[in-house]
Amino acid sequence: MSNIVKLASISALVMSVAACDRLAQDRRVSGIESREYQTAMNDYRAGRIDQAVKGFKKTIALQPDNANARFQLACLLHDTGRDYLTAMCNYLEYVLQCPDSDKTDLAKDRLAKCEKDLAKSLADKHGLLDGGKAILKELEVAKEKLEALSAKVAQLESDLAVEKGRGEKLKSENERLVAAVKRIGEGETSIFKADKKAIVEARDLLDSEDDGDEDRIKNSADIALLRSEEASERELQSSLLPMQPKDAKEARDAAEKAERERREREKRQAIEKPEFYVVEEGDTLYKIALKFYGRTSQWRQIREANKAIISIDGRVKKGQKIRLP
């Protein structure tokens, strides 16, 4: 700390001597206190520091040999901490101009103190006080932030590697599934291609969560056969094996029979279906769709045709008059 302050003091002194030598070259002799000096003193006594500083500077510019103006300006700049370097120059200039004055010793003391204040100000500005602890603390904080960022980058790189491996695995699985589907499409499960439409129709009826007449579906022999066919298809697709069900012909015949009966039932219901229907006790859109269309999946069409009176969840109330699209 002491070495740093001494170094800053020497630097400040060298700067002040250089500046004061330049001022000394322009000295002019005048023993009359100017009007500017008197105005500056009045401002100083009245506490108008800014105006006083300007007045003393103007006085010195007009009368470089005005030692009193230099001393007053140096004291103001020093005490307010505005400009230590200019204050030191004016203290030194006063000592040179008035070596035997009664204020010469005071000017020397204030010059020494101003050097220390300037050194302290420079050290504080550049974080050199307390052995540079402020700078060291900032460096420690920066180091901690850098380490945290490095750890975060490492974690992100690890996560990226994991996701990349997962992506490669998914790509491999996708290629295997595409190959299996291609084999299925080339005829390895022709029975499912032939009965695809019947199986799709059966799925609509086998949706136990949406249907409101589950018992009727379970008691239908034709739907039971279609359920068996759909289960066989799911088993084949999950195992990705080109196998054929043992009862393929029987299942296909049963599916075709169920499809024929469904079409005949739809034709009959299309003829008998009224334009409007009054909801009865215990009715749901599923039951109404099955009653008039032969399949519960039509409940959405009924809801859309009556969305002005039927809520989005499809609930109906007894006595409601709804349109059958």
C-alpha atoms as a PDB file:
ATOM      1  CA  MET A   1       0.000   0.000   0.000  1.00  0.00           C
ATOM      2  CA  SER A   2       2.764   2.462   0.998  1.00  0.00           C
ATOM      3  CA  ASN A   3       4.822   1.686  -2.115  1.00  0.00           C
ATOM      4  CA  ILE A   4       1.801   2.212  -4.343  1.00  0.00           C
ATOM      5  CA  VAL A   5       0.985   5.562  -2.684  1.00  0.00           C
ATOM      6  CA  LYS A   6       4.621   6.684  -2.989  1.00  0.00           C
ATOM      7  CA  LEU A   7       4.678   5.769  -6.674  1.00  0.00           C
ATOM      8  CA  ALA A   8       1.446   7.664  -7.295  1.00  0.00           C
ATOM      9  CA  SER A   9       2.830  10.664  -5.330  1.00  0.00           C
ATOM     10  CA  ILE A  10       5.992  10.773  -7.424  1.00  0.00           C
ATOM     11  CA  SER A  11       3.962  10.577 -10.629  1.00  0.00           C
ATOM     12  CA  ALA A  12       1.684  13.379  -9.476  1.00  0.00           C
ATOM     13  CA  LEU A  13       4.652  15.548  -8.444  1.00  0.00           C
ATOM     14  CA  VAL A  14       6.342  15.088 -11.814  1.00  0.00           C
ATOM     15  CA  MET A  15       3.133  16.053 -13.582  1.00  0.00           C
ATOM     16  CA  SER A  16       2.666  19.116 -11.372  1.00  0.00           C
ATOM     17  CA  VAL A  17       6.244  20.340 -11.856  1.00  0.00           C
ATOM     18  CA  ALA A  18       5.946  20.026 -15.620  1.00  0.00           C
ATOM     19  CA  ALA A  19       2.678  21.938 -15.654  1.00  0.00           C
ATOM     20  CA  CYS A  20       3.974  24.616 -13.254  1.00  0.00           C
ATOM     21  CA  ASP A  21       7.146  25.166 -15.284  1.00  0.00           C
ATOM     22  CA  ARG A  22       4.975  26.031 -18.229  1.00  0.00           C
ATOM     23  CA  LEU A  23       2.994  28.495 -16.104  1.00  0.00           C
ATOM     24  CA  ALA A  24       6.174  30.055 -14.732  1.00  0.00           C
ATOM     25  CA  GLN A  25       7.350  31.002 -18.210  1.00  0.00           C
ATOM     26  CA  ASP A  26       4.385  33.371 -18.604  1.00  0.00           C
ATOM     27  CA  ARG A  27       4.812  35.361 -15.387  1.00  0.00           C
ATOM     28  CA  ARG A  28       4.207  39.047 -15.537  1.00  0.00           C
ATOM     29  CA  VAL A  29       4.837  41.533 -12.761  1.00  0.00           C
ATOM     30  CA  SER A  30       1.861  43.419 -11.373  1.00  0.00           C
ATOM     31  CA  GLY A  31       1.276  44.543  -7.834  1.00  0.00           C
ATOM     32  CA  ILE A  32      -2.271  45.758  -8.242  1.00  0.00           C
ATOM     33  CA  GLU A  33      -5.165  43.512  -7.236  1.00  0.00           C
ATOM     34  CA  SER A  34      -7.530  43.431 -10.190  1.00  0.00           C
ATOM     35  CA  ARG A  35     -11.266  43.858 -10.210  1.00  0.00           C
ATOM     36  CA  GLU A  36     -11.611  40.183 -11.231  1.00  0.00           C
ATOM     37  CA  TYR A  37      -9.730  39.152  -8.071  1.00  0.00           C
ATOM     38  CA  GLN A  38     -11.998  41.248  -5.847  1.00  0.00           C
ATOM     39  CA  THR A  39     -15.105  39.780  -7.544  1.00  0.00           C
ATOM     40  CA  ALA A  40     -13.780  36.256  -7.035  1.00  0.00           C
ATOM     41  CA  MET A  41     -13.078  36.963  -3.371  1.00  0.00           C
ATOM     42  CA  ASN A  42     -16.611  38.299  -2.895  1.00  0.00           C
ATOM     43  CA  ASP A  43     -18.024  35.129  -4.472  1.00  0.00           C
ATOM     44  CA  TYR A  44     -15.773  33.029  -2.230  1.00  0.00           C
ATOM     45  CA  ARG A  45     -16.918  34.795   0.932  1.00  0.00           C
ATOM     46  CA  ALA A  46     -20.560  34.455  -0.174  1.00  0.00           C
ATOM     47  CA  GLY A  47     -20.149  30.692  -0.681  1.00  0.00           C
ATOM     48  CA  ARG A  48     -20.490  30.812  -4.464  1.00  0.00           C
ATOM     49  CA  ILE A  49     -17.702  28.300  -5.056  1.00  0.00           C
ATOM     50  CA  ASP A  50     -18.228  27.742  -8.789  1.00  0.00           C
ATOM     51  CA  GLN A  51     -18.203  31.470  -9.531  1.00  0.00           C
ATOM     52  CA  ALA A  52     -15.171  31.962  -7.252  1.00  0.00           C
ATOM     53  CA  VAL A  53     -13.187  29.260  -9.071  1.00  0.00           C
ATOM     54  CA  LYS A  54     -13.995  30.844 -12.426  1.00  0.00           C
ATOM     55  CA  GLY A  55     -13.064  34.291 -11.080  1.00  0.00           C
ATOM     56  CA  PHE A  56      -9.673  33.185  -9.730  1.00  0.00           C
ATOM     57  CA  LYS A  57      -8.850  31.385 -12.984  1.00  0.00           C
ATOM     58  CA  LYS A  58      -9.739  34.505 -14.940  1.00  0.00           C
ATOM     59  CA  THR A  59      -7.601  36.606 -12.590  1.00  0.00           C
ATOM     60  CA  ILE A  60      -4.604  34.292 -13.048  1.00  0.00           C
ATOM     61  CA  ALA A  61      -5.062  34.362 -16.808  1.00  0.00           C
ATOM     62  CA  LEU A  62      -4.899  38.176 -16.726  1.00  0.00           C
ATOM     63  CA  GLN A  63      -2.322  38.398 -13.908  1.00  0.00           C
ATOM     64  CA  PRO A  64      -0.095  35.289 -13.805  1.00  0.00           C
ATOM     65  CA  ASP A  65       1.970  36.872 -10.972  1.00  0.00           C
ATOM     66  CA  ASN A  66      -1.070  37.242  -8.680  1.00  0.00           C
ATOM     67  CA  ALA A  67       0.111  34.867  -5.942  1.00  0.00           C
ATOM     68  CA  ASN A  68      -2.932  35.420  -3.742  1.00  0.00           C
ATOM     69  CA  ALA A  69      -5.274  34.372  -6.555  1.00  0.00           C
ATOM     70  CA  ARG A  70      -3.185  31.229  -7.081  1.00  0.00           C
ATOM     71  CA  PHE A  71      -3.248  30.353  -3.389  1.00  0.00           C
ATOM     72  CA  GLN A  72      -7.033  30.884  -3.129  1.00  0.00           C
ATOM     73  CA  LEU A  73      -7.674  28.854  -6.304  1.00  0.00           C
ATOM     74  CA  ALA A  74      -5.406  26.036  -5.081  1.00  0.00           C
ATOM     75  CA  CYS A  75      -7.221  25.873  -1.753  1.00  0.00           C
ATOM     76  CA  LEU A  76     -10.654  25.776  -3.407  1.00  0.00           C
ATOM     77  CA  LEU A  77      -9.707  23.045  -5.915  1.00  0.00           C
ATOM     78  CA  HIS A  78      -7.939  21.033  -3.217  1.00  0.00           C
ATOM     79  CA  ASP A  79     -10.584  21.249  -0.508  1.00  0.00           C
ATOM     80  CA  THR A  80     -13.479  20.443  -2.880  1.00  0.00           C
ATOM     81  CA  GLY A  81     -11.526  17.632  -4.558  1.00  0.00           C
ATOM     82  CA  ARG A  82     -12.251  19.044  -8.016  1.00  0.00           C
ATOM     83  CA  ASP A  83      -8.748  19.144  -9.475  1.00  0.00           C
ATOM     84  CA  TYR A  84      -5.797  18.033  -7.343  1.00  0.00           C
ATOM     85  CA  LEU A  85      -3.247  18.456 -10.119  1.00  0.00           C
ATOM     86  CA  THR A  86      -4.159  22.096 -10.865  1.00  0.00           C
ATOM     87  CA  ALA A  87      -4.201  22.788  -7.117  1.00  0.00           C
ATOM     88  CA  MET A  88      -0.651  21.407  -6.775  1.00  0.00           C
ATOM     89  CA  CYS A  89       0.567  23.587  -9.643  1.00  0.00           C
ATOM     90  CA  ASN A  90      -0.830  26.716  -8.020  1.00  0.00           C
ATOM     91  CA  TYR A  91       0.555  25.806  -4.564  1.00  0.00           C
ATOM     92  CA  LEU A  92       4.003  25.349  -6.105  1.00  0.00           C
ATOM     93  CA  GLU A  93       3.699  28.548  -8.114  1.00  0.00           C
ATOM     94  CA  TYR A  94       2.792  30.458  -4.949  1.00  0.00           C
ATOM     95  CA  VAL A  95       5.886  29.117  -3.158  1.00  0.00           C
ATOM     96  CA  LEU A  96       8.079  30.111  -6.103  1.00  0.00           C
ATOM     97  CA  GLN A  97       6.576  33.602  -6.300  1.00  0.00           C
ATOM     98  CA  CYS A  98       6.495  34.223  -2.542  1.00  0.00           C
ATOM     99  CA  PRO A  99       9.309  32.194  -0.921  1.00  0.00           C
ATOM    100  CA  ASP A 100       9.358  34.445   2.187  1.00  0.00           C
ATOM    101  CA  SER A 101       5.627  34.962   2.661  1.00  0.00           C
ATOM    102  CA  ASP A 102       3.897  34.189   5.936  1.00  0.00           C
ATOM    103  CA  LYS A 103       1.778  31.660   4.030  1.00  0.00           C
ATOM    104  CA  THR A 104       4.702  29.952   2.302  1.00  0.00           C
ATOM    105  CA  ASP A 105       5.000  27.185   4.915  1.00  0.00           C
ATOM    106  CA  LEU A 106       1.232  26.668   4.806  1.00  0.00           C
ATOM    107  CA  ALA A 107       1.370  26.413   1.020  1.00  0.00           C
ATOM    108  CA  LYS A 108       4.159  23.803   1.300  1.00  0.00           C
ATOM    109  CA  ASP A 109       2.179  21.756   3.818  1.00  0.00           C
ATOM    110  CA  ARG A 110      -0.943  21.908   1.690  1.00  0.00           C
ATOM    111  CA  LEU A 111       1.123  20.955  -1.375  1.00  0.00           C
ATOM    112  CA  ALA A 112       2.356  17.811   0.396  1.00  0.00           C
ATOM    113  CA  LYS A 113      -1.149  16.921   1.524  1.00  0.00           C
ATOM    114  CA  CYS A 114      -2.509  17.561  -1.970  1.00  0.00           C
ATOM    115  CA  GLU A 115       0.071  15.113  -3.381  1.00  0.00           C
ATOM    116  CA  LYS A 116      -1.153  12.416  -0.984  1.00  0.00           C
ATOM    117  CA  ASP A 117      -4.798  13.148  -1.780  1.00  0.00           C
ATOM    118  CA  LEU A 118      -4.063  12.915  -5.503  1.00  0.00           C
ATOM    119  CA  ALA A 119      -2.216   9.613  -5.021  1.00  0.00           C
ATOM    120  CA  LYS A 120      -5.079   8.220  -2.969  1.00  0.00           C
ATOM    121  CA  SER A 121      -7.606   9.363  -5.570  1.00  0.00           C
ATOM    122  CA  LEU A 122      -5.663   7.669  -8.375  1.00  0.00           C
ATOM    123  CA  ALA A 123      -5.219   4.493  -6.344  1.00  0.00           C
ATOM    124  CA  ASP A 124      -8.909   4.408  -5.483  1.00  0.00           C
ATOM    125  CA  LYS A 125      -9.890   5.018  -9.097  1.00  0.00           C
ATOM    126  CA  HIS A 126      -7.787   2.125 -10.349  1.00  0.00           C
ATOM    127  CA  GLY A 127      -8.555  -0.237  -7.464  1.00  0.00           C
ATOM    128  CA  LEU A 128      -5.088  -0.120  -5.913  1.00  0.00           C
ATOM    129  CA  LEU A 129      -6.170   0.508  -2.314  1.00  0.00           C
ATOM    130  CA  ASP A 130      -5.925  -2.282   0.290  1.00  0.00           C
ATOM    131  CA  GLY A 131      -3.351  -4.077  -1.797  1.00  0.00           C
ATOM    132  CA  GLY A 132      -5.671  -4.366  -4.790  1.00  0.00           C
ATOM    133  CA  LYS A 133      -8.297  -6.390  -2.903  1.00  0.00           C
ATOM    134  CA  ALA A 134     -11.126  -4.891  -4.966  1.00  0.00           C
ATOM    135  CA  ILE A 135      -9.512  -6.039  -8.213  1.00  0.00           C
ATOM    136  CA  LEU A 136      -8.753  -9.468  -6.748  1.00  0.00           C
ATOM    137  CA  LYS A 137     -12.368  -9.806  -5.646  1.00  0.00           C
ATOM    138  CA  GLU A 138     -13.606  -8.919  -9.128  1.00  0.00           C
ATOM    139  CA  LEU A 139     -11.215 -11.467 -10.598  1.00  0.00           C
ATOM    140  CA  GLU A 140     -12.516 -14.154  -8.216  1.00  0.00           C
ATOM    141  CA  VAL A 141     -16.112 -13.379  -9.160  1.00  0.00           C
ATOM    142  CA  ALA A 142     -15.225 -13.497 -12.851  1.00  0.00           C
ATOM    143  CA  LYS A 143     -13.434 -16.811 -12.314  1.00  0.00           C
ATOM    144  CA  GLU A 144     -16.466 -18.317 -10.572  1.00  0.00           C
ATOM    145  CA  LYS A 145     -18.742 -17.177 -13.394  1.00  0.00           C
ATOM    146  CA  LEU A 146     -16.367 -18.677 -15.951  1.00  0.00           C
ATOM    147  CA  GLU A 147     -16.290 -22.007 -14.098  1.00  0.00           C
ATOM    148  CA  ALA A 148     -20.093 -22.053 -13.884  1.00  0.00           C
ATOM    149  CA  LEU A 149     -20.378 -21.354 -17.601  1.00  0.00           C
ATOM    150  CA  SER A 150     -17.831 -24.070 -18.371  1.00  0.00           C
ATOM    151  CA  ALA A 151     -19.807 -26.588 -16.307  1.00  0.00           C
ATOM    152  CA  LYS A 152     -23.007 -25.567 -18.075  1.00  0.00           C
ATOM    153  CA  VAL A 153     -21.369 -25.984 -21.485  1.00  0.00           C
ATOM    154  CA  ALA A 154     -20.107 -29.428 -20.474  1.00  0.00           C
ATOM    155  CA  GLN A 155     -23.613 -30.435 -19.340  1.00  0.00           C
ATOM    156  CA  LEU A 156     -25.114 -29.185 -22.606  1.00  0.00           C
ATOM    157  CA  GLU A 157     -22.556 -31.144 -24.590  1.00  0.00           C
ATOM    158  CA  SER A 158     -23.399 -34.271 -22.587  1.00  0.00           C
ATOM    159  CA  ASP A 159     -27.134 -33.766 -23.142  1.00  0.00           C
ATOM    160  CA  LEU A 160     -26.510 -33.211 -26.839  1.00  0.00           C
ATOM    161  CA  ALA A 161     -24.593 -36.478 -27.078  1.00  0.00           C
ATOM    162  CA  VAL A 162     -27.446 -38.334 -25.322  1.00  0.00           C
ATOM    163  CA  GLU A 163     -30.057 -36.804 -27.619  1.00  0.00           C
ATOM    164  CA  LYS A 164     -27.920 -37.595 -30.643  1.00  0.00           C
ATOM    165  CA  GLY A 165     -27.701 -41.254 -29.594  1.00  0.00           C
ATOM    166  CA  ARG A 166     -31.456 -41.342 -29.017  1.00  0.00           C
ATOM    167  CA  GLY A 167     -32.014 -39.847 -32.456  1.00  0.00           C
ATOM    168  CA  GLU A 168     -29.812 -42.498 -34.070  1.00  0.00           C
ATOM    169  CA  LYS A 169     -31.743 -45.213 -32.249  1.00  0.00           C
ATOM    170  CA  LEU A 170     -35.094 -43.790 -33.358  1.00  0.00           C
ATOM    171  CA  LYS A 171     -33.803 -43.551 -36.914  1.00  0.00           C
ATOM    172  CA  SER A 172     -32.816 -47.219 -36.829  1.00  0.00           C
ATOM    173  CA  GLU A 173     -36.216 -48.228 -35.414  1.00  0.00           C
ATOM    174  CA  ASN A 174     -37.966 -46.159 -38.066  1.00  0.00           C
ATOM    175  CA  GLU A 175     -36.015 -47.830 -40.847  1.00  0.00           C
ATOM    176  CA  ARG A 176     -36.931 -51.253 -39.427  1.00  0.00           C
ATOM    177  CA  LEU A 177     -40.614 -50.311 -39.224  1.00  0.00           C
ATOM    178  CA  VAL A 178     -40.589 -48.963 -42.776  1.00  0.00           C
ATOM    179  CA  ALA A 179     -39.080 -52.216 -44.008  1.00  0.00           C
ATOM    180  CA  ALA A 180     -41.709 -54.231 -42.111  1.00  0.00           C
ATOM    181  CA  VAL A 181     -44.567 -52.123 -43.466  1.00  0.00           C
ATOM    182  CA  LYS A 182     -43.141 -52.534 -46.941  1.00  0.00           C
ATOM    183  CA  ARG A 183     -43.170 -56.314 -46.521  1.00  0.00           C
ATOM    184  CA  ILE A 184     -46.762 -56.175 -45.292  1.00  0.00           C
ATOM    185  CA  GLY A 185     -47.707 -54.024 -48.287  1.00  0.00           C
ATOM    186  CA  GLU A 186     -46.124 -56.520 -50.666  1.00  0.00           C
ATOM    187  CA  GLY A 187     -48.593 -59.259 -49.691  1.00  0.00           C
ATOM    188  CA  GLU A 188     -47.298 -60.949 -46.578  1.00  0.00           C
ATOM    189  CA  THR A 189     -50.610 -60.146 -44.815  1.00  0.00           C
ATOM    190  CA  SER A 190     -53.032 -59.956 -47.723  1.00  0.00           C
ATOM    191  CA  ILE A 191     -55.928 -60.969 -45.495  1.00  0.00           C
ATOM    192  CA  PHE A 192     -55.661 -57.695 -43.625  1.00  0.00           C
ATOM    193  CA  LYS A 193     -55.573 -55.723 -46.861  1.00  0.00           C
ATOM    194  CA  ALA A 194     -58.722 -57.481 -48.057  1.00  0.00           C
ATOM    195  CA  ASP A 195     -60.568 -56.859 -44.802  1.00  0.00           C
ATOM    196  CA  LYS A 196     -59.076 -53.451 -44.017  1.00  0.00           C
ATOM    197  CA  LYS A 197     -62.362 -51.625 -44.457  1.00  0.00           C
ATOM    198  CA  ALA A 198     -64.221 -54.084 -42.253  1.00  0.00           C
ATOM    199  CA  ILE A 199     -61.585 -53.769 -39.532  1.00  0.00           C
ATOM    200  CA  VAL A 200     -61.784 -49.983 -39.629  1.00  0.00           C
ATOM    201  CA  GLU A 201     -65.561 -50.172 -39.258  1.00  0.00           C
ATOM    202  CA  ALA A 202     -65.142 -52.555 -36.348  1.00  0.00           C
ATOM    203  CA  ARG A 203     -62.770 -50.143 -34.583  1.00  0.00           C
ATOM    204  CA  ASP A 204     -65.458 -47.505 -34.526  1.00  0.00           C
ATOM    205  CA  LEU A 205     -67.835 -49.920 -32.824  1.00  0.00           C
ATOM    206  CA  LEU A 206     -65.197 -51.324 -30.466  1.00  0.00           C
ATOM    207  CA  ASP A 207     -64.395 -47.963 -28.834  1.00  0.00           C
ATOM    208  CA  SER A 208     -65.683 -48.875 -25.402  1.00  0.00           C
ATOM    209  CA  GLU A 209     -64.861 -45.446 -23.901  1.00  0.00           C
ATOM    210  CA  ASP A 210     -66.987 -43.563 -26.435  1.00  0.00           C
ATOM    211  CA  ASP A 211     -69.824 -46.056 -26.975  1.00  0.00           C
ATOM    212  CA  GLY A 212     -72.828 -45.879 -24.697  1.00  0.00           C
ATOM    213  CA  ASP A 213     -74.117 -49.372 -25.566  1.00  0.00           C
ATOM    214  CA  GLU A 214     -71.155 -51.600 -24.703  1.00  0.00           C
ATOM    215  CA  ASP A 215     -73.283 -54.662 -23.814  1.00  0.00           C
ATOM    216  CA  ARG A 216     -74.855 -54.785 -27.250  1.00  0.00           C
ATOM    217  CA  ILE A 217     -71.404 -54.735 -28.900  1.00  0.00           C
ATOM    218  CA  LYS A 218     -70.079 -57.515 -26.649  1.00  0.00           C
ATOM    219  CA  ASN A 219     -73.123 -59.715 -27.404  1.00  0.00           C
ATOM    220  CA  SER A 220     -72.718 -59.401 -31.190  1.00  0.00           C
ATOM    221  CA  ALA A 221     -71.146 -62.493 -32.712  1.00  0.00           C
ATOM    222  CA  ASP A 222     -70.065 -60.631 -35.830  1.00  0.00           C
ATOM    223  CA  ILE A 223     -68.307 -57.926 -33.851  1.00  0.00           C
ATOM    224  CA  ALA A 224     -66.591 -60.583 -31.736  1.00  0.00           C
ATOM    225  CA  LEU A 225     -65.132 -62.082 -34.890  1.00  0.00           C
ATOM    226  CA  LEU A 226     -63.979 -58.663 -36.059  1.00  0.00           C
ATOM    227  CA  ARG A 227     -62.440 -58.067 -32.636  1.00  0.00           C
ATOM    228  CA  SER A 228     -60.452 -61.283 -33.029  1.00  0.00           C
ATOM    229  CA  GLU A 229     -59.339 -60.157 -36.480  1.00  0.00           C
ATOM    230  CA  GLU A 230     -58.203 -56.779 -35.167  1.00  0.00           C
ATOM    231  CA  ALA A 231     -56.298 -58.418 -32.293  1.00  0.00           C
ATOM    232  CA  SER A 232     -54.501 -60.632 -34.800  1.00  0.00           C
ATOM    233  CA  GLU A 233     -53.552 -57.572 -36.824  1.00  0.00           C
ATOM    234  CA  ARG A 234     -52.183 -55.755 -33.752  1.00  0.00           C
ATOM    235  CA  GLU A 235     -50.165 -58.822 -32.765  1.00  0.00           C
ATOM    236  CA  LEU A 236     -48.672 -59.027 -36.230  1.00  0.00           C
ATOM    237  CA  GLN A 237     -47.780 -55.351 -36.397  1.00  0.00           C
ATOM    238  CA  SER A 238     -46.204 -55.343 -32.933  1.00  0.00           C
ATOM    239  CA  SER A 239     -44.035 -58.396 -33.595  1.00  0.00           C
ATOM    240  CA  LEU A 240     -43.293 -57.371 -37.197  1.00  0.00           C
ATOM    241  CA  LEU A 241     -43.417 -61.057 -38.243  1.00  0.00           C
ATOM    242  CA  PRO A 242     -44.915 -62.076 -41.622  1.00  0.00           C
ATOM    243  CA  MET A 243     -47.314 -64.684 -40.160  1.00  0.00           C
ATOM    244  CA  GLN A 244     -50.813 -65.640 -41.281  1.00  0.00           C
ATOM    245  CA  PRO A 245     -53.672 -66.436 -38.828  1.00  0.00           C
ATOM    246  CA  LYS A 246     -54.755 -70.076 -38.870  1.00  0.00           C
ATOM    247  CA  ASP A 247     -58.455 -69.193 -39.179  1.00  0.00           C
ATOM    248  CA  ALA A 248     -57.869 -66.490 -41.825  1.00  0.00           C
ATOM    249  CA  LYS A 249     -60.578 -67.710 -44.198  1.00  0.00           C
ATOM    250  CA  GLU A 250     -63.194 -68.084 -41.474  1.00  0.00           C
ATOM    251  CA  ALA A 251     -62.399 -64.636 -40.063  1.00  0.00           C
ATOM    252  CA  ARG A 252     -62.581 -63.063 -43.517  1.00  0.00           C
ATOM    253  CA  ASP A 253     -65.921 -64.690 -44.233  1.00  0.00           C
ATOM    254  CA  ALA A 254     -67.246 -63.492 -40.868  1.00  0.00           C
ATOM    255  CA  ALA A 255     -65.991 -59.957 -41.555  1.00  0.00           C
ATOM    256  CA  GLU A 256     -67.633 -59.912 -44.991  1.00  0.00           C
ATOM    257  CA  LYS A 257     -70.892 -61.108 -43.466  1.00  0.00           C
ATOM    258  CA  ALA A 258     -70.733 -58.399 -40.797  1.00  0.00           C
ATOM    259  CA  GLU A 259     -70.069 -55.775 -43.462  1.00  0.00           C
ATOM    260  CA  ARG A 260     -73.065 -56.915 -45.524  1.00  0.00           C
ATOM    261  CA  GLU A 261     -75.332 -56.836 -42.512  1.00  0.00           C
ATOM    262  CA  ARG A 262     -74.050 -53.389 -41.544  1.00  0.00           C
ATOM    263  CA  ARG A 263     -74.777 -52.011 -45.004  1.00  0.00           C
ATOM    264  CA  GLU A 264     -78.274 -53.501 -45.029  1.00  0.00           C
ATOM    265  CA  ARG A 265     -78.893 -52.058 -41.562  1.00  0.00           C
ATOM    266  CA  GLU A 266     -77.720 -48.614 -42.699  1.00  0.00           C
ATOM    267  CA  LYS A 267     -79.992 -48.764 -45.736  1.00  0.00           C
ATOM    268  CA  ARG A 268     -82.988 -49.619 -43.570  1.00  0.00           C
ATOM    269  CA  GLN A 269     -82.179 -46.913 -41.068  1.00  0.00           C
ATOM    270  CA  ALA A 270     -81.595 -44.341 -43.825  1.00  0.00           C
ATOM    271  CA  ILE A 271     -85.125 -45.014 -45.057  1.00  0.00           C
ATOM    272  CA  GLU A 272     -86.620 -44.960 -41.555  1.00  0.00           C
ATOM    273  CA  LYS A 273     -84.471 -42.117 -40.155  1.00  0.00           C
ATOM    274  CA  PRO A 274     -86.605 -39.037 -39.428  1.00  0.00           C
ATOM    275  CA  GLU A 275     -85.423 -35.482 -39.958  1.00  0.00           C
ATOM    276  CA  PHE A 276     -85.845 -34.641 -36.264  1.00  0.00           C
ATOM    277  CA  TYR A 277     -85.736 -36.733 -33.101  1.00  0.00           C
ATOM    278  CA  VAL A 278     -86.892 -35.954 -29.549  1.00  0.00           C
ATOM    279  CA  VAL A 279     -84.400 -37.149 -26.924  1.00  0.00           C
ATOM    280  CA  GLU A 280     -85.807 -39.794 -24.581  1.00  0.00           C
ATOM    281  CA  GLU A 281     -84.849 -40.752 -21.027  1.00  0.00           C
ATOM    282  CA  GLY A 282     -81.409 -42.452 -20.942  1.00  0.00           C
ATOM    283  CA  ASP A 283     -80.472 -41.368 -24.482  1.00  0.00           C
ATOM    284  CA  THR A 284     -76.920 -40.344 -25.376  1.00  0.00           C
ATOM    285  CA  LEU A 285     -75.496 -39.265 -28.703  1.00  0.00           C
ATOM    286  CA  TYR A 286     -73.790 -42.652 -28.938  1.00  0.00           C
ATOM    287  CA  LYS A 287     -77.082 -44.510 -28.556  1.00  0.00           C
ATOM    288  CA  ILE A 288     -78.873 -42.184 -30.992  1.00  0.00           C
ATOM    289  CA  ALA A 289     -76.084 -42.586 -33.579  1.00  0.00           C
ATOM    290  CA  LEU A 290     -76.167 -46.383 -33.234  1.00  0.00           C
ATOM    291  CA  LYS A 291     -79.962 -46.387 -33.419  1.00  0.00           C
ATOM    292  CA  PHE A 292     -80.292 -44.379 -36.638  1.00  0.00           C
ATOM    293  CA  TYR A 293     -76.941 -44.872 -38.366  1.00  0.00           C
ATOM    294  CA  GLY A 294     -75.811 -48.259 -37.152  1.00  0.00           C
ATOM    295  CA  ARG A 295     -72.501 -46.930 -35.815  1.00  0.00           C
ATOM    296  CA  THR A 296     -71.628 -44.820 -32.808  1.00  0.00           C
ATOM    297  CA  SER A 297     -68.989 -42.786 -34.655  1.00  0.00           C
ATOM    298  CA  GLN A 298     -71.797 -40.709 -36.228  1.00  0.00           C
ATOM    299  CA  TRP A 299     -72.420 -38.987 -32.886  1.00  0.00           C
ATOM    300  CA  ARG A 300     -69.999 -36.206 -33.878  1.00  0.00           C
ATOM    301  CA  GLN A 301     -72.014 -35.437 -37.033  1.00  0.00           C
ATOM    302  CA  ILE A 302     -75.168 -35.203 -34.923  1.00  0.00           C
ATOM    303  CA  ARG A 303     -73.423 -32.855 -32.499  1.00  0.00           C
ATOM    304  CA  GLU A 304     -72.138 -30.632 -35.320  1.00  0.00           C
ATOM    305  CA  ALA A 305     -75.602 -30.456 -36.889  1.00  0.00           C
ATOM    306  CA  ASN A 306     -77.017 -29.312 -33.522  1.00  0.00           C
ATOM    307  CA  LYS A 307     -74.081 -27.352 -32.053  1.00  0.00           C
ATOM    308  CA  ALA A 308     -76.392 -24.456 -31.265  1.00  0.00           C
ATOM    309  CA  ILE A 309     -78.178 -26.553 -28.602  1.00  0.00           C
ATOM    310  CA  ILE A 310     -75.678 -29.349 -27.816  1.00  0.00           C
ATOM    311  CA  SER A 311     -72.551 -28.501 -25.813  1.00  0.00           C
ATOM    312  CA  ILE A 312     -69.049 -29.492 -26.866  1.00  0.00           C
ATOM    313  CA  ASP A 313     -69.054 -32.553 -24.567  1.00  0.00           C
ATOM    314  CA  GLY A 314     -72.050 -33.975 -26.475  1.00  0.00           C
ATOM    315  CA  ARG A 315     -74.487 -34.208 -23.558  1.00  0.00           C
ATOM    316  CA  VAL A 316     -78.197 -34.177 -24.392  1.00  0.00           C
ATOM    317  CA  LYS A 317     -81.268 -33.781 -22.200  1.00  0.00           C
ATOM    318  CA  LYS A 318     -84.626 -35.459 -22.250  1.00  0.00           C
ATOM    319  CA  GLY A 319     -87.106 -33.568 -24.422  1.00  0.00           C
ATOM    320  CA  GLN A 320     -84.528 -31.884 -26.654  1.00  0.00           C
ATOM    321  CA  LYS A 321     -85.472 -31.820 -30.322  1.00  0.00           C
ATOM    322  CA  ILE A 322     -82.421 -32.478 -32.456  1.00  0.00           C
ATOM    323  CA  ARG A 323     -81.828 -32.678 -36.207  1.00  0.00           C
ATOM    324  CA  LEU A 324     -80.532 -35.930 -37.698  1.00  0.00           C
ATOM    325  CA  PRO A 325     -78.154 -35.049 -40.577  1.00  0.00           C
END
